[in-house]
Amino acid sequence: MMNTSRAVSVLAAAVLISAAPVRADEYGGTSMGQETQTMQQGQKDQCLLVAMNCPDSYKADTVQQRVDRLKKEIARGTDVYTEQELNTLNEQLKWISQESGNDAGSE
């Protein structure tokens, strides 16, 4: 059962990550200033959650930059995200950590 659960989690994360290039063509673009302002207004990072509305600057993210963004969003907690969304973000962080073979998500 544990292997099935892990496989489903990895598959979900892979689908979310692989959808980013597909959705990137539909992105209209915003400046970093607009993006920062949106995040400060308590909105969710849809790029991390469902690979939508990803700014061009995120396309070239390193693994560490993605880990840092995930940790920052997770820290915002239930003021911004539902428990299910926080679980999704945590699963992505765990998946990255497992795939990279380090403790990126264990801080």
N, C-alpha and C. Protein backbone atom coordinates (compact mmCIF):
# COMPACT_ATOMS: atom_id res chain seq x y z
N MET A 1 0.82 -1.20 0.00
CA MET A 1 0.00 0.00 0.00
C MET A 1 0.86 1.25 0.00
N MET A 2 1.98 1.18 0.73
CA MET A 2 2.88 2.33 0.81
C MET A 2 3.48 2.63 -0.56
N ASN A 3 3.83 1.58 -1.32
CA ASN A 3 4.39 1.78 -2.66
C ASN A 3 3.36 2.38 -3.59
N THR A 4 2.11 1.98 -3.48
CA THR A 4 1.05 2.53 -4.31
C THR A 4 0.86 4.01 -3.99
N SER A 5 0.85 4.33 -2.72
CA SER A 5 0.70 5.72 -2.29
C SER A 5 1.86 6.57 -2.81
N ARG A 6 3.05 6.05 -2.70
CA ARG A 6 4.23 6.78 -3.18
C ARG A 6 4.16 6.94 -4.70
N ALA A 7 3.77 5.91 -5.41
CA ALA A 7 3.68 5.97 -6.87
C ALA A 7 2.65 7.01 -7.31
N VAL A 8 1.52 7.07 -6.64
CA VAL A 8 0.49 8.04 -6.97
C VAL A 8 1.00 9.46 -6.71
N SER A 9 1.70 9.65 -5.61
CA SER A 9 2.25 10.97 -5.29
C SER A 9 3.28 11.42 -6.32
N VAL A 10 4.17 10.51 -6.68
CA VAL A 10 5.19 10.84 -7.67
C VAL A 10 4.54 11.12 -9.02
N LEU A 11 3.57 10.33 -9.38
CA LEU A 11 2.87 10.53 -10.65
C LEU A 11 2.16 11.89 -10.66
N ALA A 12 1.51 12.26 -9.57
CA ALA A 12 0.83 13.55 -9.49
C ALA A 12 1.82 14.69 -9.62
N ALA A 13 2.95 14.59 -8.94
CA ALA A 13 3.96 15.64 -9.03
C ALA A 13 4.52 15.72 -10.45
N ALA A 14 4.76 14.57 -11.06
CA ALA A 14 5.30 14.56 -12.43
C ALA A 14 4.32 15.20 -13.41
N VAL A 15 3.05 14.93 -13.24
CA VAL A 15 2.03 15.53 -14.11
C VAL A 15 2.01 17.04 -13.92
N LEU A 16 2.08 17.49 -12.70
CA LEU A 16 2.08 18.93 -12.43
C LEU A 16 3.30 19.61 -13.03
N ILE A 17 4.44 18.99 -12.87
CA ILE A 17 5.67 19.59 -13.38
C ILE A 17 5.72 19.53 -14.90
N SER A 18 5.26 18.43 -15.48
CA SER A 18 5.33 18.31 -16.94
C SER A 18 4.29 19.18 -17.64
N ALA A 19 3.27 19.62 -16.92
CA ALA A 19 2.25 20.47 -17.53
C ALA A 19 2.75 21.90 -17.72
N ALA A 20 3.80 22.28 -17.02
CA ALA A 20 4.31 23.65 -17.10
C ALA A 20 4.66 24.07 -18.52
N PRO A 21 5.42 23.28 -19.29
CA PRO A 21 5.73 23.71 -20.65
C PRO A 21 4.50 23.82 -21.55
N VAL A 22 3.52 22.96 -21.33
CA VAL A 22 2.30 23.01 -22.13
C VAL A 22 1.54 24.29 -21.85
N ARG A 23 1.42 24.64 -20.58
CA ARG A 23 0.68 25.83 -20.19
C ARG A 23 1.46 27.11 -20.47
N ALA A 24 2.77 27.01 -20.64
CA ALA A 24 3.60 28.20 -20.84
C ALA A 24 3.21 28.94 -22.11
N ASP A 25 2.76 28.23 -23.13
CA ASP A 25 2.36 28.87 -24.38
C ASP A 25 1.14 29.77 -24.18
N GLU A 26 0.33 29.46 -23.20
CA GLU A 26 -0.89 30.22 -22.96
C GLU A 26 -0.67 31.40 -22.02
N TYR A 27 0.51 31.50 -21.46
CA TYR A 27 0.80 32.55 -20.48
C TYR A 27 0.92 33.90 -21.18
N GLY A 28 0.15 34.86 -20.68
CA GLY A 28 0.16 36.20 -21.25
C GLY A 28 1.29 37.05 -20.74
N GLY A 29 1.79 36.74 -19.57
CA GLY A 29 2.95 37.43 -19.03
C GLY A 29 2.58 38.56 -18.09
N THR A 30 3.33 38.67 -17.03
CA THR A 30 3.25 39.80 -16.11
C THR A 30 4.67 40.13 -15.72
N SER A 31 4.86 41.32 -15.27
CA SER A 31 6.20 41.69 -14.82
C SER A 31 6.43 41.13 -13.43
N MET A 32 7.69 41.08 -13.03
CA MET A 32 8.00 40.59 -11.70
C MET A 32 7.36 41.47 -10.64
N GLY A 33 7.24 42.75 -10.90
CA GLY A 33 6.61 43.65 -9.95
C GLY A 33 5.15 43.29 -9.72
N GLN A 34 4.45 42.98 -10.80
CA GLN A 34 3.05 42.58 -10.68
C GLN A 34 2.94 41.26 -9.93
N GLU A 35 3.83 40.35 -10.22
CA GLU A 35 3.80 39.05 -9.57
C GLU A 35 4.04 39.19 -8.07
N THR A 36 5.03 39.97 -7.69
CA THR A 36 5.34 40.19 -6.28
C THR A 36 4.16 40.85 -5.59
N GLN A 37 3.56 41.82 -6.24
CA GLN A 37 2.41 42.51 -5.66
C GLN A 37 1.26 41.53 -5.44
N THR A 38 1.02 40.65 -6.40
CA THR A 38 -0.03 39.64 -6.29
C THR A 38 0.24 38.72 -5.11
N MET A 39 1.48 38.27 -4.96
CA MET A 39 1.83 37.37 -3.87
C MET A 39 1.66 38.06 -2.52
N GLN A 40 1.98 39.35 -2.45
CA GLN A 40 1.85 40.07 -1.20
C GLN A 40 0.39 40.29 -0.83
N GLN A 41 -0.50 40.23 -1.79
CA GLN A 41 -1.92 40.42 -1.51
C GLN A 41 -2.58 39.14 -1.02
N GLY A 42 -1.78 38.10 -0.75
CA GLY A 42 -2.32 36.88 -0.18
C GLY A 42 -2.86 35.90 -1.19
N GLN A 43 -2.45 36.03 -2.44
CA GLN A 43 -2.92 35.10 -3.45
C GLN A 43 -2.01 33.89 -3.54
N LYS A 44 -2.56 32.82 -4.04
CA LYS A 44 -1.84 31.56 -4.17
C LYS A 44 -0.91 31.60 -5.37
N ASP A 45 0.19 30.86 -5.29
CA ASP A 45 1.10 30.71 -6.41
C ASP A 45 0.58 29.57 -7.28
N GLN A 46 -0.24 29.93 -8.26
CA GLN A 46 -0.85 28.93 -9.13
C GLN A 46 0.20 28.18 -9.95
N CYS A 47 1.33 28.81 -10.17
CA CYS A 47 2.40 28.15 -10.91
C CYS A 47 2.89 26.92 -10.15
N LEU A 48 3.04 27.03 -8.85
CA LEU A 48 3.47 25.88 -8.05
C LEU A 48 2.35 24.87 -7.87
N LEU A 49 1.14 25.35 -7.72
CA LEU A 49 0.03 24.44 -7.45
C LEU A 49 -0.39 23.62 -8.67
N VAL A 50 -0.63 24.31 -9.78
CA VAL A 50 -1.18 23.62 -10.95
C VAL A 50 -0.47 24.00 -12.25
N ALA A 51 0.73 24.53 -12.12
CA ALA A 51 1.54 24.90 -13.29
C ALA A 51 0.79 25.84 -14.24
N MET A 52 0.12 26.85 -13.67
CA MET A 52 -0.58 27.85 -14.46
C MET A 52 -0.06 29.23 -14.08
N ASN A 53 -0.13 30.16 -15.03
CA ASN A 53 0.28 31.55 -14.79
C ASN A 53 1.74 31.65 -14.37
N CYS A 54 2.59 30.83 -14.96
CA CYS A 54 4.02 30.84 -14.62
C CYS A 54 4.74 31.94 -15.38
N PRO A 55 5.40 32.85 -14.67
CA PRO A 55 6.16 33.89 -15.35
C PRO A 55 7.38 33.29 -16.05
N ASP A 56 7.87 33.99 -17.05
CA ASP A 56 9.02 33.51 -17.81
C ASP A 56 10.21 33.24 -16.91
N SER A 57 10.37 34.01 -15.86
CA SER A 57 11.52 33.85 -14.97
C SER A 57 11.50 32.48 -14.27
N TYR A 58 10.33 31.86 -14.11
CA TYR A 58 10.24 30.57 -13.45
C TYR A 58 10.65 29.42 -14.36
N LYS A 59 10.64 29.64 -15.66
CA LYS A 59 10.95 28.57 -16.60
C LYS A 59 12.39 28.10 -16.46
N ALA A 60 13.26 28.99 -16.03
CA ALA A 60 14.68 28.65 -15.91
C ALA A 60 15.08 28.41 -14.45
N ASP A 61 14.11 28.15 -13.59
CA ASP A 61 14.41 27.90 -12.18
C ASP A 61 15.35 26.71 -12.02
N THR A 62 16.29 26.85 -11.11
CA THR A 62 17.09 25.70 -10.72
C THR A 62 16.26 24.89 -9.72
N VAL A 63 16.72 23.71 -9.42
CA VAL A 63 16.02 22.88 -8.44
C VAL A 63 15.97 23.62 -7.10
N GLN A 64 17.09 24.23 -6.71
CA GLN A 64 17.14 24.93 -5.43
C GLN A 64 16.17 26.11 -5.40
N GLN A 65 16.04 26.84 -6.51
CA GLN A 65 15.10 27.95 -6.56
C GLN A 65 13.67 27.46 -6.40
N ARG A 66 13.36 26.33 -7.03
CA ARG A 66 12.01 25.77 -6.90
C ARG A 66 11.76 25.32 -5.46
N VAL A 67 12.76 24.69 -4.85
CA VAL A 67 12.64 24.26 -3.45
C VAL A 67 12.40 25.47 -2.56
N ASP A 68 13.16 26.53 -2.78
CA ASP A 68 12.99 27.75 -1.98
C ASP A 68 11.60 28.34 -2.14
N ARG A 69 11.09 28.37 -3.38
CA ARG A 69 9.74 28.90 -3.62
C ARG A 69 8.70 28.03 -2.93
N LEU A 70 8.86 26.70 -3.01
CA LEU A 70 7.93 25.80 -2.35
C LEU A 70 7.92 26.02 -0.84
N LYS A 71 9.10 26.13 -0.24
CA LYS A 71 9.19 26.34 1.20
C LYS A 71 8.53 27.66 1.60
N LYS A 72 8.76 28.70 0.80
CA LYS A 72 8.18 30.01 1.10
C LYS A 72 6.65 29.94 1.06
N GLU A 73 6.12 29.27 0.05
CA GLU A 73 4.66 29.16 -0.06
C GLU A 73 4.08 28.29 1.04
N ILE A 74 4.76 27.20 1.38
CA ILE A 74 4.28 26.33 2.46
C ILE A 74 4.25 27.10 3.78
N ALA A 75 5.23 27.97 3.98
CA ALA A 75 5.30 28.76 5.22
C ALA A 75 4.12 29.72 5.35
N ARG A 76 3.50 30.07 4.23
CA ARG A 76 2.34 30.98 4.29
C ARG A 76 1.14 30.29 4.92
N GLY A 77 1.13 28.98 4.89
CA GLY A 77 0.16 28.18 5.63
C GLY A 77 -1.29 28.34 5.22
N THR A 78 -2.16 28.07 6.19
CA THR A 78 -3.60 28.03 5.94
C THR A 78 -4.22 29.41 5.82
N ASP A 79 -3.43 30.46 6.00
CA ASP A 79 -3.95 31.81 5.75
C ASP A 79 -4.23 32.00 4.26
N VAL A 80 -3.47 31.27 3.44
CA VAL A 80 -3.58 31.42 1.99
C VAL A 80 -4.05 30.12 1.33
N TYR A 81 -3.53 28.99 1.78
CA TYR A 81 -3.78 27.70 1.13
C TYR A 81 -4.69 26.80 1.96
N THR A 82 -5.43 25.94 1.27
CA THR A 82 -6.20 24.91 1.96
C THR A 82 -5.25 23.80 2.39
N GLU A 83 -5.70 22.93 3.27
CA GLU A 83 -4.88 21.79 3.71
C GLU A 83 -4.48 20.92 2.52
N GLN A 84 -5.41 20.72 1.60
CA GLN A 84 -5.13 19.89 0.42
C GLN A 84 -4.04 20.54 -0.45
N GLU A 85 -4.12 21.85 -0.61
CA GLU A 85 -3.11 22.55 -1.41
C GLU A 85 -1.74 22.51 -0.72
N LEU A 86 -1.74 22.65 0.59
CA LEU A 86 -0.48 22.54 1.34
C LEU A 86 0.10 21.14 1.20
N ASN A 87 -0.75 20.13 1.22
CA ASN A 87 -0.29 18.76 1.02
C ASN A 87 0.32 18.60 -0.37
N THR A 88 -0.30 19.21 -1.38
CA THR A 88 0.24 19.15 -2.74
C THR A 88 1.62 19.78 -2.80
N LEU A 89 1.78 20.94 -2.18
CA LEU A 89 3.08 21.62 -2.17
C LEU A 89 4.12 20.78 -1.42
N ASN A 90 3.72 20.19 -0.29
CA ASN A 90 4.64 19.34 0.47
C ASN A 90 5.03 18.10 -0.33
N GLU A 91 4.08 17.52 -1.05
CA GLU A 91 4.39 16.35 -1.88
C GLU A 91 5.40 16.70 -2.97
N GLN A 92 5.25 17.88 -3.57
CA GLN A 92 6.22 18.31 -4.58
C GLN A 92 7.61 18.45 -3.96
N LEU A 93 7.66 19.03 -2.78
CA LEU A 93 8.94 19.21 -2.09
C LEU A 93 9.57 17.86 -1.77
N LYS A 94 8.77 16.92 -1.29
CA LYS A 94 9.28 15.58 -0.99
C LYS A 94 9.77 14.89 -2.26
N TRP A 95 9.01 15.04 -3.33
CA TRP A 95 9.38 14.40 -4.59
C TRP A 95 10.71 14.93 -5.10
N ILE A 96 10.89 16.25 -5.05
CA ILE A 96 12.15 16.84 -5.48
C ILE A 96 13.30 16.31 -4.63
N SER A 97 13.06 16.24 -3.34
CA SER A 97 14.09 15.76 -2.41
C SER A 97 14.47 14.31 -2.72
N GLN A 98 13.48 13.48 -2.98
CA GLN A 98 13.74 12.07 -3.29
C GLN A 98 14.44 11.91 -4.63
N GLU A 99 14.00 12.68 -5.61
CA GLU A 99 14.59 12.57 -6.95
C GLU A 99 16.01 13.08 -7.00
N SER A 100 16.30 14.12 -6.21
CA SER A 100 17.65 14.69 -6.24
C SER A 100 18.59 13.95 -5.30
N GLY A 101 18.02 13.08 -4.46
CA GLY A 101 18.84 12.27 -3.58
C GLY A 101 19.47 13.05 -2.44
N ASN A 102 18.85 14.17 -2.07
CA ASN A 102 19.37 14.94 -0.94
C ASN A 102 18.23 15.31 -0.02
N ASP A 103 18.53 16.12 0.96
CA ASP A 103 17.53 16.53 1.95
C ASP A 103 17.00 17.90 1.67
N ALA A 104 16.69 18.23 0.41
CA ALA A 104 16.24 19.56 0.04
C ALA A 104 14.96 19.96 0.77
N GLY A 105 14.11 19.01 1.07
CA GLY A 105 12.84 19.35 1.70
C GLY A 105 12.80 19.16 3.18
N SER A 106 13.93 18.87 3.81
CA SER A 106 13.87 18.52 5.23
C SER A 106 14.36 19.61 6.16
N GLU A 107 14.34 20.85 5.74
CA GLU A 107 14.77 21.93 6.64
C GLU A 107 13.66 22.39 7.52
